[in-house]
Amino acid sequence: MNQEDLQTEEGVSRILPDTVVQAKMEAVKPVYLAGTVEGDVCCKSLLVIDPGGRVQGDVICESLMLEGRVEGNVEAGHAVLAAGAEITGVLLAGRLEIAAGAKIGLGLKFRNVKNK
């Protein structure tokens, strides 16, 4: 499933531009975030944060595609950071793909991931 699919796929939670959610968010299925979440986000699937998307809190997810901003720490099994991505805290990841221009504020840590 790619980013374009998430914008229209059934069963995907979408937070659209100009939407602000003030709460801790938990999701089992994929989430597409183009707005703002003021609180922690826990996603047991794929979390896509659009270039205009922002999380003001910590993020824990299975997979992350980040083009926007996380103002907190991130823990992900697999993280993909685009050129405009920004994490102000620490990134803990099992696997990482990072483009030139992405920013990680307080550091990067890797964890062991068992191959399936």
C-alpha atoms as a PDB file:
ATOM      1  CA  MET A   1       0.000   0.000   0.000  1.00  0.00           C
ATOM      2  CA  ASN A   2       1.478   3.334  -1.014  1.00  0.00           C
ATOM      3  CA  GLN A   3       0.695   6.869   0.125  1.00  0.00           C
ATOM      4  CA  GLU A   4      -1.768   7.545  -2.692  1.00  0.00           C
ATOM      5  CA  ASP A   5      -3.711   4.392  -1.771  1.00  0.00           C
ATOM      6  CA  LEU A   6      -4.026   5.571   1.831  1.00  0.00           C
ATOM      7  CA  GLN A   7      -5.784   8.745   0.742  1.00  0.00           C
ATOM      8  CA  THR A   8      -8.680   6.738  -0.741  1.00  0.00           C
ATOM      9  CA  GLU A   9      -8.422   3.192   0.692  1.00  0.00           C
ATOM     10  CA  GLU A  10     -11.383   1.900   2.691  1.00  0.00           C
ATOM     11  CA  GLY A  11     -10.633   1.180   6.359  1.00  0.00           C
ATOM     12  CA  VAL A  12      -7.954   3.879   6.608  1.00  0.00           C
ATOM     13  CA  SER A  13      -8.375   6.623   9.199  1.00  0.00           C
ATOM     14  CA  ARG A  14      -7.772  10.043   7.671  1.00  0.00           C
ATOM     15  CA  ILE A  15      -7.061  13.301   9.440  1.00  0.00           C
ATOM     16  CA  LEU A  16      -7.357  15.933   6.762  1.00  0.00           C
ATOM     17  CA  PRO A  17      -5.641  19.329   6.442  1.00  0.00           C
ATOM     18  CA  ASP A  18      -7.045  22.042   8.745  1.00  0.00           C
ATOM     19  CA  THR A  19      -8.192  19.343  11.209  1.00  0.00           C
ATOM     20  CA  VAL A  20      -6.803  19.409  14.760  1.00  0.00           C
ATOM     21  CA  VAL A  21      -7.295  16.416  17.065  1.00  0.00           C
ATOM     22  CA  GLN A  22      -6.598  17.088  20.751  1.00  0.00           C
ATOM     23  CA  ALA A  23      -6.326  13.608  22.244  1.00  0.00           C
ATOM     24  CA  LYS A  24      -4.218  10.499  22.543  1.00  0.00           C
ATOM     25  CA  MET A  25      -4.858   8.557  19.346  1.00  0.00           C
ATOM     26  CA  GLU A  26      -4.776   4.758  19.011  1.00  0.00           C
ATOM     27  CA  ALA A  27      -5.362   2.879  15.748  1.00  0.00           C
ATOM     28  CA  VAL A  28      -5.184  -0.726  14.604  1.00  0.00           C
ATOM     29  CA  LYS A  29      -5.489   0.002  10.877  1.00  0.00           C
ATOM     30  CA  PRO A  30      -3.459   2.443   8.742  1.00  0.00           C
ATOM     31  CA  VAL A  31      -3.667   6.178   9.413  1.00  0.00           C
ATOM     32  CA  TYR A  32      -3.153   9.016   6.916  1.00  0.00           C
ATOM     33  CA  LEU A  33      -2.390  12.290   8.707  1.00  0.00           C
ATOM     34  CA  ALA A  34      -2.463  15.593   6.835  1.00  0.00           C
ATOM     35  CA  GLY A  35      -3.693  17.658   9.795  1.00  0.00           C
ATOM     36  CA  THR A  36      -2.481  17.984  13.395  1.00  0.00           C
ATOM     37  CA  VAL A  37      -2.676  15.648  16.386  1.00  0.00           C
ATOM     38  CA  GLU A  38      -2.005  17.287  19.748  1.00  0.00           C
ATOM     39  CA  GLY A  39      -1.222  14.159  21.758  1.00  0.00           C
ATOM     40  CA  ASP A  40       0.529  10.813  21.458  1.00  0.00           C
ATOM     41  CA  VAL A  41      -0.172   8.503  18.503  1.00  0.00           C
ATOM     42  CA  CYS A  42      -0.047   4.701  18.690  1.00  0.00           C
ATOM     43  CA  CYS A  43      -0.671   2.839  15.420  1.00  0.00           C
ATOM     44  CA  LYS A  44      -0.359  -0.940  15.106  1.00  0.00           C
ATOM     45  CA  SER A  45      -0.068  -0.579  11.344  1.00  0.00           C
ATOM     46  CA  LEU A  46       1.196   2.044   8.886  1.00  0.00           C
ATOM     47  CA  LEU A  47       1.193   5.723   9.838  1.00  0.00           C
ATOM     48  CA  VAL A  48       1.683   8.211   7.002  1.00  0.00           C
ATOM     49  CA  ILE A  49       2.332  11.823   7.969  1.00  0.00           C
ATOM     50  CA  ASP A  50       1.850  14.102   4.970  1.00  0.00           C
ATOM     51  CA  PRO A  51       4.120  17.143   4.369  1.00  0.00           C
ATOM     52  CA  GLY A  52       1.508  19.339   6.093  1.00  0.00           C
ATOM     53  CA  GLY A  53       0.878  16.821   8.885  1.00  0.00           C
ATOM     54  CA  ARG A  54       2.104  17.271  12.434  1.00  0.00           C
ATOM     55  CA  VAL A  55       2.090  15.324  15.700  1.00  0.00           C
ATOM     56  CA  GLN A  56       2.694  17.207  18.934  1.00  0.00           C
ATOM     57  CA  GLY A  57       3.527  14.184  21.071  1.00  0.00           C
ATOM     58  CA  ASP A  58       5.243  10.815  20.866  1.00  0.00           C
ATOM     59  CA  VAL A  59       4.617   8.301  18.075  1.00  0.00           C
ATOM     60  CA  ILE A  60       4.721   4.500  18.341  1.00  0.00           C
ATOM     61  CA  CYS A  61       3.898   2.551  15.188  1.00  0.00           C
ATOM     62  CA  GLU A  62       4.700  -0.555  13.201  1.00  0.00           C
ATOM     63  CA  SER A  63       5.620   1.411  10.053  1.00  0.00           C
ATOM     64  CA  LEU A  64       6.073   5.144   9.505  1.00  0.00           C
ATOM     65  CA  MET A  65       6.230   7.202   6.320  1.00  0.00           C
ATOM     66  CA  LEU A  66       7.120  10.713   7.470  1.00  0.00           C
ATOM     67  CA  GLU A  67       7.098  13.803   5.279  1.00  0.00           C
ATOM     68  CA  GLY A  68       5.801  16.165   7.972  1.00  0.00           C
ATOM     69  CA  ARG A  69       6.817  16.879  11.570  1.00  0.00           C
ATOM     70  CA  VAL A  70       6.774  14.989  14.875  1.00  0.00           C
ATOM     71  CA  GLU A  71       7.357  17.162  17.934  1.00  0.00           C
ATOM     72  CA  GLY A  72       8.392  14.314  20.222  1.00  0.00           C
ATOM     73  CA  ASN A  73       9.996  10.873  20.138  1.00  0.00           C
ATOM     74  CA  VAL A  74       9.290   8.163  17.551  1.00  0.00           C
ATOM     75  CA  GLU A  75       9.455   4.380  17.896  1.00  0.00           C
ATOM     76  CA  ALA A  76       8.839   2.421  14.683  1.00  0.00           C
ATOM     77  CA  GLY A  77       9.572  -1.043  13.366  1.00  0.00           C
ATOM     78  CA  HIS A  78      10.274   0.478   9.946  1.00  0.00           C
ATOM     79  CA  ALA A  79      10.642   4.213   9.342  1.00  0.00           C
ATOM     80  CA  VAL A  80      10.878   6.056   6.029  1.00  0.00           C
ATOM     81  CA  LEU A  81      11.835   9.726   6.344  1.00  0.00           C
ATOM     82  CA  ALA A  82      11.443  11.966   3.298  1.00  0.00           C
ATOM     83  CA  ALA A  83      13.570  15.047   2.611  1.00  0.00           C
ATOM     84  CA  GLY A  84      11.241  17.409   4.494  1.00  0.00           C
ATOM     85  CA  ALA A  85      10.647  15.123   7.493  1.00  0.00           C
ATOM     86  CA  GLU A  86      11.459  16.365  10.985  1.00  0.00           C
ATOM     87  CA  ILE A  87      11.542  14.637  14.373  1.00  0.00           C
ATOM     88  CA  THR A  88      12.416  16.893  17.309  1.00  0.00           C
ATOM     89  CA  GLY A  89      13.129  14.011  19.695  1.00  0.00           C
ATOM     90  CA  VAL A  90      14.779  10.593  19.448  1.00  0.00           C
ATOM     91  CA  LEU A  91      14.026   8.072  16.691  1.00  0.00           C
ATOM     92  CA  LEU A  92      14.144   4.380  17.679  1.00  0.00           C
ATOM     93  CA  ALA A  93      13.756   2.146  14.636  1.00  0.00           C
ATOM     94  CA  GLY A  94      14.307  -1.432  13.564  1.00  0.00           C
ATOM     95  CA  ARG A  95      14.824  -0.427   9.929  1.00  0.00           C
ATOM     96  CA  LEU A  96      15.337   3.047   8.517  1.00  0.00           C
ATOM     97  CA  GLU A  97      15.241   4.705   5.108  1.00  0.00           C
ATOM     98  CA  ILE A  98      16.189   8.364   5.227  1.00  0.00           C
ATOM     99  CA  ALA A  99      16.445  10.986   2.496  1.00  0.00           C
ATOM    100  CA  ALA A 100      18.918  13.848   2.469  1.00  0.00           C
ATOM    101  CA  GLY A 101      17.361  16.823   4.226  1.00  0.00           C
ATOM    102  CA  ALA A 102      15.399  14.870   6.851  1.00  0.00           C
ATOM    103  CA  LYS A 103      16.061  16.037  10.430  1.00  0.00           C
ATOM    104  CA  ILE A 104      16.264  14.080  13.686  1.00  0.00           C
ATOM    105  CA  GLY A 105      16.696  16.398  16.659  1.00  0.00           C
ATOM    106  CA  LEU A 106      17.959  14.371  19.617  1.00  0.00           C
ATOM    107  CA  GLY A 107      19.415  11.257  18.051  1.00  0.00           C
ATOM    108  CA  LEU A 108      18.875   7.914  16.431  1.00  0.00           C
ATOM    109  CA  LYS A 109      18.832   4.445  18.002  1.00  0.00           C
ATOM    110  CA  PHE A 110      18.411   1.094  16.302  1.00  0.00           C
ATOM    111  CA  ARG A 111      16.809  -1.984  17.773  1.00  0.00           C
ATOM    112  CA  ASN A 112      17.244  -5.589  16.698  1.00  0.00           C
ATOM    113  CA  VAL A 113      14.508  -6.901  14.449  1.00  0.00           C
ATOM    114  CA  LYS A 114      14.033 -10.630  13.938  1.00  0.00           C
ATOM    115  CA  ASN A 115      13.633 -11.654  10.310  1.00  0.00           C
ATOM    116  CA  LYS A 116      10.412 -13.503   9.584  1.00  0.00           C
END
